Amino acid sequence: LKLTESSAAPRAPSPRTSSLLVTPRLAHATIRAALRAGSRARTESRYGSLASRARASAALPVLRLRATRTTDESLRLTPTSSDPYRYTQAGGASLALEAQATWNLDRAVFADEELQVEHLRRLRAQQDARLVEDVLRALFAWQRAVVDAAAPDAPPEERELAELRVIEAEVRLDVMTGGWFSPRAPALRKNALSRRRRSE
């Protein structure tokens, strides 16, 4: 019996990509929703406004006002022929007003408050980086839980626990994204399940 080359070669198993849920597109969209829920754009706009107002303050002078009042009293010897020991008293009061305006033109180039704004921006960037890591971690935990829950050969107890992990990951992602993730999760799971059935 002679085998042909096509029948003798073993078939390579088809890659199981039908259960794939987390794609780069979904990850980017979820991260954008999480950053939007954290008011990142609004906070960055506020930081920019603080820096611009600090530089614009160079056009406004620092105004100082001062008022002083002085009094003067003196005795003078004014002898006369009838009164050789005659003294006269003289006194007076004066009021002085002073106004001073100072322009700090160097603040138009750089204001000291900008250092504090940059420090706040650096802290915000660190928080955003931690948020991105948390979102990706939750997305892949959701992916693994969905795969475990849909495994046909898994015991019922393990599938129930996997369903709980699915719900936990979806709730966490929904909180991170401000309600953006939960309306999309059922459709993503349904599409993945239908692709898996077609591939089987």
Protein backbone atom coordinates (compact mmCIF):
# COMPACT_ATOMS: atom_id res chain seq x y z
CA LEU A 1 0.00 0.00 0.00
CA LYS A 2 1.50 3.29 -1.13
CA LEU A 3 0.53 6.48 0.69
CA THR A 4 0.47 9.72 -1.11
CA GLU A 5 2.35 12.71 0.26
CA SER A 6 -0.83 14.57 1.14
CA SER A 7 -2.29 11.69 3.13
CA ALA A 8 0.94 10.86 4.93
CA ALA A 9 1.58 14.36 6.24
CA PRO A 10 -0.11 15.02 9.61
CA ARG A 11 -2.58 17.87 9.83
CA ALA A 12 -1.52 20.80 11.91
CA PRO A 13 -4.10 21.74 14.50
CA SER A 14 -5.88 24.97 13.74
CA PRO A 15 -5.01 27.77 16.15
CA ARG A 16 -7.71 28.47 18.71
CA THR A 17 -8.19 32.17 18.24
CA SER A 18 -11.97 32.07 18.46
CA SER A 19 -11.99 32.71 22.22
CA LEU A 20 -9.84 35.81 21.94
CA LEU A 21 -11.60 38.76 23.54
CA VAL A 22 -8.86 41.22 24.48
CA THR A 23 -7.54 42.85 21.34
CA PRO A 24 -5.32 45.94 21.05
CA ARG A 25 -8.34 47.89 19.84
CA LEU A 26 -10.41 46.88 22.88
CA ALA A 27 -7.50 47.59 25.22
CA HIS A 28 -6.99 51.09 23.80
CA ALA A 29 -10.70 51.85 23.95
CA THR A 30 -10.97 50.64 27.55
CA ILE A 31 -7.92 52.64 28.62
CA ARG A 32 -9.30 55.78 26.96
CA ALA A 33 -12.62 55.28 28.74
CA ALA A 34 -10.85 54.80 32.09
CA LEU A 35 -8.78 57.96 31.61
CA ARG A 36 -11.88 59.85 30.54
CA ALA A 37 -13.74 58.60 33.62
CA GLY A 38 -10.86 59.89 35.76
CA SER A 39 -11.32 63.39 34.26
CA ARG A 40 -7.79 63.37 32.90
CA ALA A 41 -8.52 65.91 30.15
CA ARG A 42 -10.25 68.25 32.57
CA THR A 43 -7.40 68.01 35.06
CA GLU A 44 -4.78 68.66 32.38
CA SER A 45 -6.74 71.69 31.19
CA ARG A 46 -6.88 72.98 34.76
CA TYR A 47 -3.11 72.58 35.14
CA GLY A 48 -2.53 74.47 31.90
CA SER A 49 -4.84 77.24 33.06
CA LEU A 50 -2.94 77.56 36.33
CA ALA A 51 0.39 77.90 34.53
CA SER A 52 -0.93 80.47 32.04
CA ARG A 53 -2.53 82.54 34.79
CA ALA A 54 0.73 82.53 36.73
CA ARG A 55 2.59 83.91 33.68
CA ALA A 56 -0.17 86.41 32.88
CA SER A 57 0.13 87.88 36.36
CA ALA A 58 3.31 89.64 35.18
CA ALA A 59 1.07 92.20 33.43
CA LEU A 60 -0.53 93.16 36.74
CA PRO A 61 1.51 95.29 39.14
CA VAL A 62 2.01 94.63 42.81
CA LEU A 63 0.41 97.67 44.42
CA ARG A 64 1.49 98.92 47.83
CA LEU A 65 -0.25 101.76 49.66
CA ARG A 66 1.00 103.48 52.81
CA ALA A 67 -0.26 106.37 54.92
CA THR A 68 1.78 108.09 57.67
CA ARG A 69 0.79 110.81 60.11
CA THR A 70 3.35 112.86 62.05
CA THR A 71 2.94 115.40 64.82
CA ASP A 72 5.42 118.09 65.93
CA GLU A 73 5.41 120.17 69.10
CA SER A 74 8.16 122.57 70.24
CA LEU A 75 8.81 125.28 72.78
CA ARG A 76 10.57 128.45 71.73
CA LEU A 77 12.07 131.15 73.92
CA THR A 78 10.71 134.49 72.76
CA PRO A 79 11.73 137.04 75.45
CA THR A 80 10.22 140.48 75.51
CA SER A 81 11.06 143.56 77.48
CA SER A 82 8.22 142.96 79.84
CA ASP A 83 8.68 139.17 80.00
CA PRO A 84 12.26 138.06 79.48
CA TYR A 85 11.33 134.42 80.12
CA ARG A 86 8.48 134.20 77.70
CA TYR A 87 8.05 130.85 75.87
CA THR A 88 5.82 130.09 72.95
CA GLN A 89 4.59 126.66 71.97
CA ALA A 90 4.34 125.60 68.34
CA GLY A 91 2.94 122.38 66.97
CA GLY A 92 1.55 120.80 63.87
CA ALA A 93 0.43 117.57 62.24
CA SER A 94 1.15 116.26 58.75
CA LEU A 95 -0.31 113.40 56.71
CA ALA A 96 1.72 111.62 54.02
CA LEU A 97 0.28 109.18 51.43
CA GLU A 98 2.49 106.84 49.41
CA ALA A 99 1.62 104.52 46.52
CA GLN A 100 4.04 102.08 44.87
CA ALA A 101 3.42 99.84 41.83
CA THR A 102 5.90 97.07 40.93
CA TRP A 103 5.84 94.93 37.79
CA ASN A 104 7.57 91.51 37.95
CA LEU A 105 8.23 91.13 34.22
CA ASP A 106 10.36 88.03 34.71
CA ARG A 107 7.16 86.11 35.55
CA ALA A 108 6.09 86.51 31.93
CA VAL A 109 8.83 83.99 31.03
CA PHE A 110 8.70 81.70 34.04
CA ALA A 111 6.62 81.84 37.20
CA ASP A 112 7.55 80.06 40.39
CA GLU A 113 4.10 78.43 40.56
CA GLU A 114 4.89 76.47 37.39
CA LEU A 115 7.20 74.20 39.39
CA GLN A 116 4.28 73.17 41.58
CA VAL A 117 2.09 72.65 38.49
CA GLU A 118 4.74 70.41 36.91
CA HIS A 119 4.97 68.44 40.14
CA LEU A 120 1.20 67.92 40.06
CA ARG A 121 1.41 66.84 36.43
CA ARG A 122 4.12 64.30 37.25
CA LEU A 123 1.99 62.86 40.06
CA ARG A 124 -0.98 62.68 37.70
CA ALA A 125 1.10 60.89 35.06
CA GLN A 126 2.14 58.29 37.64
CA GLN A 127 -1.49 57.77 38.62
CA ASP A 128 -2.44 57.36 34.94
CA ALA A 129 0.31 54.77 34.45
CA ARG A 130 -0.96 52.78 37.43
CA LEU A 131 -4.50 53.04 36.06
CA VAL A 132 -3.39 51.68 32.68
CA GLU A 133 -1.71 48.72 34.39
CA ASP A 134 -4.82 48.02 36.47
CA VAL A 135 -7.06 48.15 33.38
CA LEU A 136 -4.85 45.75 31.40
CA ARG A 137 -4.60 43.40 34.38
CA ALA A 138 -8.39 43.38 34.78
CA LEU A 139 -8.93 42.87 31.03
CA PHE A 140 -6.71 39.78 30.89
CA ALA A 141 -8.25 38.42 34.10
CA TRP A 142 -11.64 38.82 32.41
CA GLN A 143 -10.32 37.05 29.29
CA ARG A 144 -9.05 34.07 31.31
CA ALA A 145 -12.27 33.83 33.31
CA VAL A 146 -14.43 33.87 30.16
CA VAL A 147 -12.35 31.08 28.61
CA ASP A 148 -12.58 28.99 31.78
CA ALA A 149 -16.33 29.56 32.05
CA ALA A 150 -16.89 28.43 28.44
CA ALA A 151 -14.72 25.29 28.68
CA PRO A 152 -17.01 22.36 27.81
CA ASP A 153 -14.88 19.74 29.57
CA ALA A 154 -14.60 21.65 32.87
CA PRO A 155 -16.58 20.47 35.92
CA PRO A 156 -19.68 22.52 36.76
CA GLU A 157 -18.15 23.80 40.01
CA GLU A 158 -15.13 25.20 38.18
CA ARG A 159 -17.32 26.84 35.56
CA GLU A 160 -19.41 28.48 38.27
CA LEU A 161 -16.28 29.86 39.91
CA ALA A 162 -15.10 31.07 36.52
CA GLU A 163 -18.44 32.86 36.01
CA LEU A 164 -17.94 34.60 39.34
CA ARG A 165 -14.50 35.73 38.20
CA VAL A 166 -16.04 36.99 34.98
CA ILE A 167 -18.57 39.07 36.90
CA GLU A 168 -15.87 40.34 39.26
CA ALA A 169 -13.63 41.45 36.37
CA GLU A 170 -16.54 43.07 34.52
CA VAL A 171 -17.61 45.01 37.62
CA ARG A 172 -14.05 46.19 38.21
CA LEU A 173 -13.69 47.31 34.60
CA ASP A 174 -17.08 48.97 34.68
CA VAL A 175 -16.09 51.00 37.75
CA MET A 176 -12.76 51.97 36.19
CA THR A 177 -14.39 53.14 32.96
CA GLY A 178 -17.33 54.93 34.55
CA GLY A 179 -19.96 52.55 33.18
CA TRP A 180 -18.47 52.23 29.68
CA PHE A 181 -17.49 48.55 29.81
CA SER A 182 -20.62 46.77 31.08
CA PRO A 183 -22.87 47.54 28.05
CA ARG A 184 -20.23 46.11 25.69
CA ALA A 185 -19.18 43.01 27.63
CA PRO A 186 -22.20 40.78 26.78
CA ALA A 187 -21.83 41.44 23.05
CA LEU A 188 -18.12 40.67 23.19
CA ARG A 189 -18.74 37.40 25.02
CA LYS A 190 -21.55 36.46 22.63
CA ASN A 191 -19.42 37.10 19.55
CA ALA A 192 -16.53 35.10 21.00
CA LEU A 193 -18.85 32.19 21.85
CA SER A 194 -20.37 32.15 18.35
CA ARG A 195 -16.91 32.22 16.74
CA ARG A 196 -15.85 29.33 18.96
CA ARG A 197 -18.89 27.25 17.99
CA ARG A 198 -18.31 27.89 14.30
CA SER A 199 -14.65 26.87 14.63
CA GLU A 200 -15.61 23.64 16.39
